[in-house]
Amino acid sequence: RKEDIEMKIDTKSRHRTKVGGNVFMDLGFPPKEAKRLLAHADAQIDESIRLKQQLMDEIAEWMKGASVTQAAAAEALHVTRSRVSDVVNRKVEKFTIDALVSMLGRIGKQVRLAVQ
């Protein structure tokens, strides 16, 4: 019976990777492979940040070009004014690429993806 089976999930932290450390080393990868994996992960994160910044710049340029206030932009983008402020101030960590693409779509901007 389901009531008789007690399922426990182990959520105890046993180790933390220090800031600037290499999580791949901590997971047991050989040093050379860990260094390569970390470099690859960092490059992907950097590319994601650049893409978010570009999308945010498009929204900010639309606001500037149309002389739209943050309050009016919030209404058009279907977000709060504080979210618009976060876009204008390029707080990339607060947004997914998906969310930014959706906002651009709401103001008639088409986003195209190119894979190289």
PDB file of N, CA and C in Angstrom:
ATOM      1  N   ARG A   1       0.828  -1.186   0.000  1.00  0.00           N
ATOM      2  CA  ARG A   1       0.000   0.000   0.000  1.00  0.00           C
ATOM      3  C   ARG A   1       0.873   1.250   0.000  1.00  0.00           C
ATOM      4  N   LYS A   2       0.383   2.257  -0.683  1.00  0.00           N
ATOM      5  CA  LYS A   2       1.137   3.495  -0.815  1.00  0.00           C
ATOM      6  C   LYS A   2       1.426   4.149   0.535  1.00  0.00           C
ATOM      7  N   GLU A   3       0.475   4.072   1.456  1.00  0.00           N
ATOM      8  CA  GLU A   3       0.649   4.694   2.764  1.00  0.00           C
ATOM      9  C   GLU A   3       1.774   4.022   3.565  1.00  0.00           C
ATOM     10  N   ASP A   4       2.033   2.747   3.292  1.00  0.00           N
ATOM     11  CA  ASP A   4       3.042   1.999   4.032  1.00  0.00           C
ATOM     12  C   ASP A   4       4.461   2.258   3.517  1.00  0.00           C
ATOM     13  N   ILE A   5       4.546   2.805   2.337  1.00  0.00           N
ATOM     14  CA  ILE A   5       5.862   3.062   1.747  1.00  0.00           C
ATOM     15  C   ILE A   5       6.211   4.531   1.960  1.00  0.00           C
ATOM     16  N   GLU A   6       7.256   4.729   2.736  1.00  0.00           N
ATOM     17  CA  GLU A   6       7.686   6.104   2.982  1.00  0.00           C
ATOM     18  C   GLU A   6       8.856   6.394   2.056  1.00  0.00           C
ATOM     19  N   MET A   7       8.667   7.388   1.180  1.00  0.00           N
ATOM     20  CA  MET A   7       9.721   7.738   0.246  1.00  0.00           C
ATOM     21  C   MET A   7      10.426   8.980   0.756  1.00  0.00           C
ATOM     22  N   LYS A   8      11.719   8.871   0.901  1.00  0.00           N
ATOM     23  CA  LYS A   8      12.514  10.009   1.348  1.00  0.00           C
ATOM     24  C   LYS A   8      13.470  10.395   0.239  1.00  0.00           C
ATOM     25  N   ILE A   9      13.573  11.684   0.057  1.00  0.00           N
ATOM     26  CA  ILE A   9      14.507  12.211  -0.930  1.00  0.00           C
ATOM     27  C   ILE A   9      15.635  12.882  -0.163  1.00  0.00           C
ATOM     28  N   ASP A  10      16.841  12.485  -0.467  1.00  0.00           N
ATOM     29  CA  ASP A  10      18.011  13.043   0.202  1.00  0.00           C
ATOM     30  C   ASP A  10      18.316  14.406  -0.408  1.00  0.00           C
ATOM     31  N   THR A  11      18.158  15.453   0.370  1.00  0.00           N
ATOM     32  CA  THR A  11      18.401  16.810  -0.130  1.00  0.00           C
ATOM     33  C   THR A  11      19.551  17.492   0.605  1.00  0.00           C
ATOM     34  N   LYS A  12      20.302  16.730   1.400  1.00  0.00           N
ATOM     35  CA  LYS A  12      21.397  17.306   2.175  1.00  0.00           C
ATOM     36  C   LYS A  12      22.560  17.696   1.262  1.00  0.00           C
ATOM     37  N   SER A  13      23.053  18.915   1.437  1.00  0.00           N
ATOM     38  CA  SER A  13      24.228  19.355   0.692  1.00  0.00           C
ATOM     39  C   SER A  13      25.469  18.794   1.365  1.00  0.00           C
ATOM     40  N   ARG A  14      26.339  18.259   0.573  1.00  0.00           N
ATOM     41  CA  ARG A  14      27.564  17.697   1.121  1.00  0.00           C
ATOM     42  C   ARG A  14      28.811  18.408   0.624  1.00  0.00           C
ATOM     43  N   HIS A  15      28.646  19.219  -0.392  1.00  0.00           N
ATOM     44  CA  HIS A  15      29.812  19.861  -1.002  1.00  0.00           C
ATOM     45  C   HIS A  15      29.367  21.076  -1.799  1.00  0.00           C
ATOM     46  N   ARG A  16      30.167  22.099  -1.796  1.00  0.00           N
ATOM     47  CA  ARG A  16      29.929  23.276  -2.638  1.00  0.00           C
ATOM     48  C   ARG A  16      31.185  23.561  -3.433  1.00  0.00           C
ATOM     49  N   THR A  17      30.987  23.909  -4.699  1.00  0.00           N
ATOM     50  CA  THR A  17      32.107  24.344  -5.520  1.00  0.00           C
ATOM     51  C   THR A  17      32.369  25.801  -5.184  1.00  0.00           C
ATOM     52  N   LYS A  18      33.603  26.127  -4.876  1.00  0.00           N
ATOM     53  CA  LYS A  18      33.960  27.506  -4.543  1.00  0.00           C
ATOM     54  C   LYS A  18      33.766  28.395  -5.769  1.00  0.00           C
ATOM     55  N   VAL A  19      33.460  29.667  -5.516  1.00  0.00           N
ATOM     56  CA  VAL A  19      33.332  30.633  -6.603  1.00  0.00           C
ATOM     57  C   VAL A  19      34.644  30.631  -7.387  1.00  0.00           C
ATOM     58  N   GLY A  20      34.516  30.528  -8.684  1.00  0.00           N
ATOM     59  CA  GLY A  20      35.704  30.481  -9.526  1.00  0.00           C
ATOM     60  C   GLY A  20      36.290  29.078  -9.630  1.00  0.00           C
ATOM     61  N   GLY A  21      35.678  28.127  -8.931  1.00  0.00           N
ATOM     62  CA  GLY A  21      36.139  26.746  -8.993  1.00  0.00           C
ATOM     63  C   GLY A  21      35.621  26.064 -10.245  1.00  0.00           C
ATOM     64  N   ASN A  22      35.920  24.797 -10.369  1.00  0.00           N
ATOM     65  CA  ASN A  22      35.500  24.039 -11.545  1.00  0.00           C
ATOM     66  C   ASN A  22      34.607  22.886 -11.090  1.00  0.00           C
ATOM     67  N   VAL A  23      33.321  23.032 -11.305  1.00  0.00           N
ATOM     68  CA  VAL A  23      32.351  22.008 -10.901  1.00  0.00           C
ATOM     69  C   VAL A  23      32.642  20.671 -11.581  1.00  0.00           C
ATOM     70  N   PHE A  24      33.204  20.712 -12.774  1.00  0.00           N
ATOM     71  CA  PHE A  24      33.505  19.479 -13.497  1.00  0.00           C
ATOM     72  C   PHE A  24      34.633  18.698 -12.809  1.00  0.00           C
ATOM     73  N   MET A  25      35.607  19.414 -12.238  1.00  0.00           N
ATOM     74  CA  MET A  25      36.652  18.761 -11.444  1.00  0.00           C
ATOM     75  C   MET A  25      36.010  18.104 -10.227  1.00  0.00           C
ATOM     76  N   ASP A  26      35.090  18.844  -9.598  1.00  0.00           N
ATOM     77  CA  ASP A  26      34.417  18.331  -8.404  1.00  0.00           C
ATOM     78  C   ASP A  26      33.587  17.092  -8.718  1.00  0.00           C
ATOM     79  N   LEU A  27      33.122  16.980  -9.951  1.00  0.00           N
ATOM     80  CA  LEU A  27      32.332  15.816 -10.353  1.00  0.00           C
ATOM     81  C   LEU A  27      33.212  14.629 -10.746  1.00  0.00           C
ATOM     82  N   GLY A  28      34.524  14.837 -10.761  1.00  0.00           N
ATOM     83  CA  GLY A  28      35.435  13.732 -11.005  1.00  0.00           C
ATOM     84  C   GLY A  28      36.001  13.632 -12.408  1.00  0.00           C
ATOM     85  N   PHE A  29      35.765  14.633 -13.244  1.00  0.00           N
ATOM     86  CA  PHE A  29      36.351  14.598 -14.591  1.00  0.00           C
ATOM     87  C   PHE A  29      37.856  14.809 -14.490  1.00  0.00           C
ATOM     88  N   PRO A  30      38.615  14.212 -15.401  1.00  0.00           N
ATOM     89  CA  PRO A  30      40.060  14.455 -15.424  1.00  0.00           C
ATOM     90  C   PRO A  30      40.324  15.956 -15.645  1.00  0.00           C
ATOM     91  N   PRO A  31      41.405  16.478 -15.108  1.00  0.00           N
ATOM     92  CA  PRO A  31      41.671  17.924 -15.175  1.00  0.00           C
ATOM     93  C   PRO A  31      41.555  18.541 -16.571  1.00  0.00           C
ATOM     94  N   LYS A  32      42.127  17.896 -17.564  1.00  0.00           N
ATOM     95  CA  LYS A  32      42.086  18.444 -18.927  1.00  0.00           C
ATOM     96  C   LYS A  32      40.647  18.521 -19.447  1.00  0.00           C
ATOM     97  N   GLU A  33      39.873  17.452 -19.224  1.00  0.00           N
ATOM     98  CA  GLU A  33      38.477  17.410 -19.667  1.00  0.00           C
ATOM     99  C   GLU A  33      37.640  18.407 -18.870  1.00  0.00           C
ATOM    100  N   ALA A  34      37.888  18.510 -17.575  1.00  0.00           N
ATOM    101  CA  ALA A  34      37.158  19.456 -16.720  1.00  0.00           C
ATOM    102  C   ALA A  34      37.393  20.892 -17.191  1.00  0.00           C
ATOM    103  N   LYS A  35      38.620  21.198 -17.549  1.00  0.00           N
ATOM    104  CA  LYS A  35      38.951  22.544 -18.040  1.00  0.00           C
ATOM    105  C   LYS A  35      38.226  22.824 -19.353  1.00  0.00           C
ATOM    106  N   ARG A  36      38.202  21.827 -20.246  1.00  0.00           N
ATOM    107  CA  ARG A  36      37.521  21.989 -21.533  1.00  0.00           C
ATOM    108  C   ARG A  36      36.015  22.161 -21.331  1.00  0.00           C
ATOM    109  N   LEU A  37      35.422  21.353 -20.471  1.00  0.00           N
ATOM    110  CA  LEU A  37      33.984  21.446 -20.210  1.00  0.00           C
ATOM    111  C   LEU A  37      33.608  22.785 -19.591  1.00  0.00           C
ATOM    112  N   LEU A  38      34.430  23.272 -18.667  1.00  0.00           N
ATOM    113  CA  LEU A  38      34.160  24.562 -18.041  1.00  0.00           C
ATOM    114  C   LEU A  38      34.245  25.690 -19.064  1.00  0.00           C
ATOM    115  N   ALA A  39      35.243  25.645 -19.921  1.00  0.00           N
ATOM    116  CA  ALA A  39      35.389  26.672 -20.962  1.00  0.00           C
ATOM    117  C   ALA A  39      34.181  26.660 -21.894  1.00  0.00           C
ATOM    118  N   HIS A  40      33.720  25.473 -22.254  1.00  0.00           N
ATOM    119  CA  HIS A  40      32.556  25.342 -23.135  1.00  0.00           C
ATOM    120  C   HIS A  40      31.300  25.893 -22.451  1.00  0.00           C
ATOM    121  N   ALA A  41      31.101  25.553 -21.181  1.00  0.00           N
ATOM    122  CA  ALA A  41      29.938  26.039 -20.429  1.00  0.00           C
ATOM    123  C   ALA A  41      29.983  27.560 -20.304  1.00  0.00           C
ATOM    124  N   ASP A  42      31.155  28.100 -20.004  1.00  0.00           N
ATOM    125  CA  ASP A  42      31.302  29.556 -19.888  1.00  0.00           C
ATOM    126  C   ASP A  42      30.995  30.253 -21.210  1.00  0.00           C
ATOM    127  N   ALA A  43      31.430  29.668 -22.312  1.00  0.00           N
ATOM    128  CA  ALA A  43      31.165  30.255 -23.633  1.00  0.00           C
ATOM    129  C   ALA A  43      29.668  30.261 -23.929  1.00  0.00           C
ATOM    130  N   GLN A  44      28.976  29.190 -23.558  1.00  0.00           N
ATOM    131  CA  GLN A  44      27.526  29.131 -23.773  1.00  0.00           C
ATOM    132  C   GLN A  44      26.805  30.171 -22.928  1.00  0.00           C
ATOM    133  N   ILE A  45      27.229  30.340 -21.695  1.00  0.00           N
ATOM    134  CA  ILE A  45      26.624  31.347 -20.817  1.00  0.00           C
ATOM    135  C   ILE A  45      26.866  32.741 -21.389  1.00  0.00           C
ATOM    136  N   ASP A  46      28.085  33.016 -21.832  1.00  0.00           N
ATOM    137  CA  ASP A  46      28.409  34.319 -22.415  1.00  0.00           C
ATOM    138  C   ASP A  46      27.549  34.605 -23.642  1.00  0.00           C
ATOM    139  N   GLU A  47      27.341  33.595 -24.484  1.00  0.00           N
ATOM    140  CA  GLU A  47      26.523  33.780 -25.686  1.00  0.00           C
ATOM    141  C   GLU A  47      25.068  34.059 -25.318  1.00  0.00           C
ATOM    142  N   SER A  48      24.564  33.378 -24.320  1.00  0.00           N
ATOM    143  CA  SER A  48      23.195  33.595 -23.855  1.00  0.00           C
ATOM    144  C   SER A  48      23.030  35.024 -23.321  1.00  0.00           C
ATOM    145  N   ILE A  49      24.015  35.489 -22.570  1.00  0.00           N
ATOM    146  CA  ILE A  49      23.979  36.856 -22.046  1.00  0.00           C
ATOM    147  C   ILE A  49      23.990  37.864 -23.183  1.00  0.00           C
ATOM    148  N   ARG A  50      24.847  37.648 -24.170  1.00  0.00           N
ATOM    149  CA  ARG A  50      24.907  38.565 -25.327  1.00  0.00           C
ATOM    150  C   ARG A  50      23.567  38.611 -26.058  1.00  0.00           C
ATOM    151  N   LEU A  51      22.947  37.465 -26.232  1.00  0.00           N
ATOM    152  CA  LEU A  51      21.661  37.403 -26.919  1.00  0.00           C
ATOM    153  C   LEU A  51      20.590  38.147 -26.118  1.00  0.00           C
ATOM    154  N   LYS A  52      20.537  37.933 -24.817  1.00  0.00           N
ATOM    155  CA  LYS A  52      19.571  38.640 -23.980  1.00  0.00           C
ATOM    156  C   LYS A  52      19.790  40.151 -24.041  1.00  0.00           C
ATOM    157  N   GLN A  53      21.054  40.575 -23.998  1.00  0.00           N
ATOM    158  CA  GLN A  53      21.354  42.004 -24.082  1.00  0.00           C
ATOM    159  C   GLN A  53      20.881  42.588 -25.413  1.00  0.00           C
ATOM    160  N   GLN A  54      21.073  41.846 -26.475  1.00  0.00           N
ATOM    161  CA  GLN A  54      20.633  42.309 -27.787  1.00  0.00           C
ATOM    162  C   GLN A  54      19.113  42.456 -27.831  1.00  0.00           C
ATOM    163  N   LEU A  55      18.401  41.483 -27.282  1.00  0.00           N
ATOM    164  CA  LEU A  55      16.938  41.546 -27.253  1.00  0.00           C
ATOM    165  C   LEU A  55      16.465  42.711 -26.376  1.00  0.00           C
ATOM    166  N   MET A  56      17.121  42.912 -25.242  1.00  0.00           N
ATOM    167  CA  MET A  56      16.773  44.027 -24.360  1.00  0.00           C
ATOM    168  C   MET A  56      17.034  45.366 -25.046  1.00  0.00           C
ATOM    169  N   ASP A  57      18.135  45.447 -25.770  1.00  0.00           N
ATOM    170  CA  ASP A  57      18.445  46.678 -26.505  1.00  0.00           C
ATOM    171  C   ASP A  57      17.362  46.998 -27.528  1.00  0.00           C
ATOM    172  N   GLU A  58      16.825  45.976 -28.171  1.00  0.00           N
ATOM    173  CA  GLU A  58      15.749  46.180 -29.153  1.00  0.00           C
ATOM    174  C   GLU A  58      14.511  46.779 -28.484  1.00  0.00           C
ATOM    175  N   ILE A  59      14.174  46.273 -27.303  1.00  0.00           N
ATOM    176  CA  ILE A  59      13.009  46.797 -26.583  1.00  0.00           C
ATOM    177  C   ILE A  59      13.272  48.240 -26.151  1.00  0.00           C
ATOM    178  N   ALA A  60      14.463  48.509 -25.625  1.00  0.00           N
ATOM    179  CA  ALA A  60      14.816  49.866 -25.197  1.00  0.00           C
ATOM    180  C   ALA A  60      14.813  50.835 -26.379  1.00  0.00           C
ATOM    181  N   GLU A  61      15.310  50.391 -27.528  1.00  0.00           N
ATOM    182  CA  GLU A  61      15.313  51.242 -28.729  1.00  0.00           C
ATOM    183  C   GLU A  61      13.889  51.527 -29.198  1.00  0.00           C
ATOM    184  N   TRP A  62      13.015  50.530 -29.124  1.00  0.00           N
ATOM    185  CA  TRP A  62      11.602  50.736 -29.474  1.00  0.00           C
ATOM    186  C   TRP A  62      10.996  51.799 -28.567  1.00  0.00           C
ATOM    187  N   MET A  63      11.278  51.691 -27.273  1.00  0.00           N
ATOM    188  CA  MET A  63      10.744  52.667 -26.317  1.00  0.00           C
ATOM    189  C   MET A  63      11.237  54.072 -26.641  1.00  0.00           C
ATOM    190  N   LYS A  64      12.526  54.183 -26.917  1.00  0.00           N
ATOM    191  CA  LYS A  64      13.127  55.486 -27.217  1.00  0.00           C
ATOM    192  C   LYS A  64      12.568  56.046 -28.524  1.00  0.00           C
ATOM    193  N   GLY A  65      12.530  55.211 -29.554  1.00  0.00           N
ATOM    194  CA  GLY A  65      12.060  55.650 -30.863  1.00  0.00           C
ATOM    195  C   GLY A  65      10.596  56.058 -30.869  1.00  0.00           C
ATOM    196  N   ALA A  66       9.791  55.383 -30.064  1.00  0.00           N
ATOM    197  CA  ALA A  66       8.358  55.677 -30.012  1.00  0.00           C
ATOM    198  C   ALA A  66       8.017  56.640 -28.869  1.00  0.00           C
ATOM    199  N   SER A  67       9.045  57.098 -28.156  1.00  0.00           N
ATOM    200  CA  SER A  67       8.857  57.982 -26.997  1.00  0.00           C
ATOM    201  C   SER A  67       7.838  57.400 -26.014  1.00  0.00           C
ATOM    202  N   VAL A  68       8.034  56.131 -25.669  1.00  0.00           N
ATOM    203  CA  VAL A  68       7.121  55.413 -24.800  1.00  0.00           C
ATOM    204  C   VAL A  68       7.670  55.435 -23.374  1.00  0.00           C
ATOM    205  N   THR A  69       6.815  55.744 -22.419  1.00  0.00           N
ATOM    206  CA  THR A  69       7.215  55.697 -21.017  1.00  0.00           C
ATOM    207  C   THR A  69       7.297  54.245 -20.565  1.00  0.00           C
ATOM    208  N   GLN A  70       7.931  54.023 -19.426  1.00  0.00           N
ATOM    209  CA  GLN A  70       8.007  52.664 -18.902  1.00  0.00           C
ATOM    210  C   GLN A  70       6.613  52.123 -18.579  1.00  0.00           C
ATOM    211  N   ALA A  71       5.743  52.981 -18.087  1.00  0.00           N
ATOM    212  CA  ALA A  71       4.377  52.546 -17.765  1.00  0.00           C
ATOM    213  C   ALA A  71       3.629  52.126 -19.025  1.00  0.00           C
ATOM    214  N   ALA A  72       3.750  52.917 -20.090  1.00  0.00           N
ATOM    215  CA  ALA A  72       3.082  52.579 -21.351  1.00  0.00           C
ATOM    216  C   ALA A  72       3.707  51.330 -21.976  1.00  0.00           C
ATOM    217  N   ALA A  73       5.031  51.218 -21.864  1.00  0.00           N
ATOM    218  CA  ALA A  73       5.708  50.030 -22.391  1.00  0.00           C
ATOM    219  C   ALA A  73       5.251  48.787 -21.644  1.00  0.00           C
ATOM    220  N   ALA A  74       5.100  48.903 -20.334  1.00  0.00           N
ATOM    221  CA  ALA A  74       4.644  47.768 -19.529  1.00  0.00           C
ATOM    222  C   ALA A  74       3.292  47.275 -20.005  1.00  0.00           C
ATOM    223  N   GLU A  75       2.418  48.208 -20.306  1.00  0.00           N
ATOM    224  CA  GLU A  75       1.085  47.834 -20.798  1.00  0.00           C
ATOM    225  C   GLU A  75       1.175  47.132 -22.149  1.00  0.00           C
ATOM    226  N   ALA A  76       1.980  47.679 -23.043  1.00  0.00           N
ATOM    227  CA  ALA A  76       2.122  47.090 -24.381  1.00  0.00           C
ATOM    228  C   ALA A  76       2.806  45.720 -24.323  1.00  0.00           C
ATOM    229  N   LEU A  77       3.759  45.563 -23.410  1.00  0.00           N
ATOM    230  CA  LEU A  77       4.526  44.329 -23.306  1.00  0.00           C
ATOM    231  C   LEU A  77       3.849  43.275 -22.421  1.00  0.00           C
ATOM    232  N   HIS A  78       2.769  43.697 -21.737  1.00  0.00           N
ATOM    233  CA  HIS A  78       2.023  42.814 -20.826  1.00  0.00           C
ATOM    234  C   HIS A  78       2.888  42.371 -19.639  1.00  0.00           C
ATOM    235  N   VAL A  79       3.657  43.313 -19.106  1.00  0.00           N
ATOM    236  CA  VAL A  79       4.485  43.056 -17.929  1.00  0.00           C
ATOM    237  C   VAL A  79       4.327  44.235 -16.969  1.00  0.00           C
ATOM    238  N   THR A  80       4.935  44.134 -15.797  1.00  0.00           N
ATOM    239  CA  THR A  80       4.889  45.249 -14.847  1.00  0.00           C
ATOM    240  C   THR A  80       5.901  46.313 -15.234  1.00  0.00           C
ATOM    241  N   ARG A  81       5.718  47.504 -14.681  1.00  0.00           N
ATOM    242  CA  ARG A  81       6.652  48.588 -14.959  1.00  0.00           C
ATOM    243  C   ARG A  81       8.046  48.236 -14.436  1.00  0.00           C
ATOM    244  N   SER A  82       8.107  47.538 -13.313  1.00  0.00           N
ATOM    245  CA  SER A  82       9.418  47.163 -12.770  1.00  0.00           C
ATOM    246  C   SER A  82      10.143  46.192 -13.703  1.00  0.00           C
ATOM    247  N   ARG A  83       9.388  45.346 -14.413  1.00  0.00           N
ATOM    248  CA  ARG A  83      10.014  44.448 -15.396  1.00  0.00           C
ATOM    249  C   ARG A  83      10.594  45.254 -16.556  1.00  0.00           C
ATOM    250  N   VAL A  84       9.876  46.290 -16.959  1.00  0.00           N
ATOM    251  CA  VAL A  84      10.394  47.159 -18.025  1.00  0.00           C
ATOM    252  C   VAL A  84      11.679  47.836 -17.552  1.00  0.00           C
ATOM    253  N   SER A  85      11.686  48.298 -16.313  1.00  0.00           N
ATOM    254  CA  SER A  85      12.892  48.903 -15.744  1.00  0.00           C
ATOM    255  C   SER A  85      14.055  47.913 -15.778  1.00  0.00           C
ATOM    256  N   ASP A  86      13.775  46.653 -15.450  1.00  0.00           N
ATOM    257  CA  ASP A  86      14.819  45.625 -15.497  1.00  0.00           C
ATOM    258  C   ASP A  86      15.347  45.428 -16.919  1.00  0.00           C
ATOM    259  N   VAL A  87      14.472  45.533 -17.908  1.00  0.00           N
ATOM    260  CA  VAL A  87      14.902  45.425 -19.310  1.00  0.00           C
ATOM    261  C   VAL A  87      15.803  46.603 -19.661  1.00  0.00           C
ATOM    262  N   VAL A  88      15.350  47.802 -19.353  1.00  0.00           N
ATOM    263  CA  VAL A  88      16.102  49.016 -19.682  1.00  0.00           C
ATOM    264  C   VAL A  88      17.471  49.008 -18.999  1.00  0.00           C
ATOM    265  N   ASN A  89      17.523  48.473 -17.788  1.00  0.00           N
ATOM    266  CA  ASN A  89      18.779  48.415 -17.034  1.00  0.00           C
ATOM    267  C   ASN A  89      19.581  47.143 -17.292  1.00  0.00           C
ATOM    268  N   ARG A  90      19.146  46.372 -18.292  1.00  0.00           N
ATOM    269  CA  ARG A  90      19.847  45.178 -18.785  1.00  0.00           C
ATOM    270  C   ARG A  90      20.155  44.171 -17.680  1.00  0.00           C
ATOM    271  N   LYS A  91      19.169  43.888 -16.866  1.00  0.00           N
ATOM    272  CA  LYS A  91      19.325  42.885 -15.810  1.00  0.00           C
ATOM    273  C   LYS A  91      19.023  41.508 -16.407  1.00  0.00           C
ATOM    274  N   VAL A  92      19.989  41.012 -17.158  1.00  0.00           N
ATOM    275  CA  VAL A  92      19.804  39.793 -17.945  1.00  0.00           C
ATOM    276  C   VAL A  92      19.459  38.575 -17.099  1.00  0.00           C
ATOM    277  N   GLU A  93      19.940  38.555 -15.871  1.00  0.00           N
ATOM    278  CA  GLU A  93      19.704  37.389 -15.017  1.00  0.00           C
ATOM    279  C   GLU A  93      18.236  37.224 -14.639  1.00  0.00           C
ATOM    280  N   LYS A  94      17.431  38.259 -14.858  1.00  0.00           N
ATOM    281  CA  LYS A  94      16.022  38.212 -14.480  1.00  0.00           C
ATOM    282  C   LYS A  94      15.107  37.742 -15.616  1.00  0.00           C
ATOM    283  N   PHE A  95      15.674  37.446 -16.784  1.00  0.00           N
ATOM    284  CA  PHE A  95      14.857  37.105 -17.952  1.00  0.00           C
ATOM    285  C   PHE A  95      15.359  35.864 -18.660  1.00  0.00           C
ATOM    286  N   THR A  96      14.414  35.150 -19.247  1.00  0.00           N
ATOM    287  CA  THR A  96      14.775  34.085 -20.170  1.00  0.00           C
ATOM    288  C   THR A  96      14.745  34.675 -21.581  1.00  0.00           C
ATOM    289  N   ILE A  97      15.402  34.017 -22.473  1.00  0.00           N
ATOM    290  CA  ILE A  97      15.361  34.452 -23.874  1.00  0.00           C
ATOM    291  C   ILE A  97      13.923  34.404 -24.370  1.00  0.00           C
ATOM    292  N   ASP A  98      13.217  33.350 -23.985  1.00  0.00           N
ATOM    293  CA  ASP A  98      11.809  33.185 -24.357  1.00  0.00           C
ATOM    294  C   ASP A  98      10.958  34.392 -23.964  1.00  0.00           C
ATOM    295  N   ALA A  99      11.120  34.855 -22.731  1.00  0.00           N
ATOM    296  CA  ALA A  99      10.332  35.988 -22.239  1.00  0.00           C
ATOM    297  C   ALA A  99      10.610  37.239 -23.063  1.00  0.00           C
ATOM    298  N   LEU A 100      11.868  37.470 -23.385  1.00  0.00           N
ATOM    299  CA  LEU A 100      12.227  38.657 -24.163  1.00  0.00           C
ATOM    300  C   LEU A 100      11.696  38.565 -25.596  1.00  0.00           C
ATOM    301  N   VAL A 101      11.770  37.379 -26.183  1.00  0.00           N
ATOM    302  CA  VAL A 101      11.231  37.189 -27.539  1.00  0.00           C
ATOM    303  C   VAL A 101       9.721  37.427 -27.530  1.00  0.00           C
ATOM    304  N   SER A 102       9.039  36.953 -26.505  1.00  0.00           N
ATOM    305  CA  SER A 102       7.589  37.162 -26.393  1.00  0.00           C
ATOM    306  C   SER A 102       7.262  38.651 -26.289  1.00  0.00           C
ATOM    307  N   MET A 103       8.030  39.369 -25.489  1.00  0.00           N
ATOM    308  CA  MET A 103       7.799  40.818 -25.360  1.00  0.00           C
ATOM    309  C   MET A 103       7.972  41.516 -26.701  1.00  0.00           C
ATOM    310  N   LEU A 104       9.008  41.150 -27.421  1.00  0.00           N
ATOM    311  CA  LEU A 104       9.236  41.762 -28.730  1.00  0.00           C
ATOM    312  C   LEU A 104       8.087  41.452 -29.690  1.00  0.00           C
ATOM    313  N   GLY A 105       7.571  40.251 -29.626  1.00  0.00           N
ATOM    314  CA  GLY A 105       6.432  39.880 -30.460  1.00  0.00           C
ATOM    315  C   GLY A 105       5.205  40.725 -30.159  1.00  0.00           C
ATOM    316  N   ARG A 106       5.018  41.066 -28.897  1.00  0.00           N
ATOM    317  CA  ARG A 106       3.852  41.872 -28.503  1.00  0.00           C
ATOM    318  C   ARG A 106       3.905  43.289 -29.050  1.00  0.00           C
ATOM    319  N   ILE A 107       5.110  43.755 -29.405  1.00  0.00           N
ATOM    320  CA  ILE A 107       5.221  45.104 -29.985  1.00  0.00           C
ATOM    321  C   ILE A 107       5.493  45.047 -31.487  1.00  0.00           C
ATOM    322  N   GLY A 108       5.219  43.878 -32.056  1.00  0.00           N
ATOM    323  CA  GLY A 108       5.306  43.745 -33.507  1.00  0.00           C
ATOM    324  C   GLY A 108       6.696  43.497 -34.054  1.00  0.00           C
ATOM    325  N   LYS A 109       7.638  43.193 -33.190  1.00  0.00           N
ATOM    326  CA  LYS A 109       9.008  42.900 -33.641  1.00  0.00           C
ATOM    327  C   LYS A 109       9.140  41.403 -33.868  1.00  0.00           C
ATOM    328  N   GLN A 110       9.696  41.045 -35.002  1.00  0.00           N
ATOM    329  CA  GLN A 110       9.894  39.637 -35.334  1.00  0.00           C
ATOM    330  C   GLN A 110      11.338  39.252 -35.037  1.00  0.00           C
ATOM    331  N   VAL A 111      11.505  38.159 -34.324  1.00  0.00           N
ATOM    332  CA  VAL A 111      12.840  37.664 -33.985  1.00  0.00           C
ATOM    333  C   VAL A 111      13.113  36.429 -34.829  1.00  0.00           C
ATOM    334  N   ARG A 112      14.261  36.408 -35.476  1.00  0.00           N
ATOM    335  CA  ARG A 112      14.642  35.254 -36.284  1.00  0.00           C
ATOM    336  C   ARG A 112      15.887  34.623 -35.686  1.00  0.00           C
ATOM    337  N   LEU A 113      15.913  33.321 -35.710  1.00  0.00           N
ATOM    338  CA  LEU A 113      17.020  32.563 -35.161  1.00  0.00           C
ATOM    339  C   LEU A 113      17.854  31.997 -36.305  1.00  0.00           C
ATOM    340  N   ALA A 114      19.156  32.172 -36.200  1.00  0.00           N
ATOM    341  CA  ALA A 114      20.060  31.609 -37.205  1.00  0.00           C
ATOM    342  C   ALA A 114      21.014  30.653 -36.509  1.00  0.00           C
ATOM    343  N   VAL A 115      21.084  29.443 -36.999  1.00  0.00           N
ATOM    344  CA  VAL A 115      21.988  28.459 -36.444  1.00  0.00           C
ATOM    345  C   VAL A 115      23.172  28.341 -37.395  1.00  0.00           C
ATOM    346  N   GLN A 116      24.363  28.441 -36.833  1.00  0.00           N
ATOM    347  CA  GLN A 116      25.568  28.392 -37.670  1.00  0.00           C
ATOM    348  C   GLN A 116      26.410  27.203 -37.318  1.00  0.00           C
TER     349      GLN A 116
END
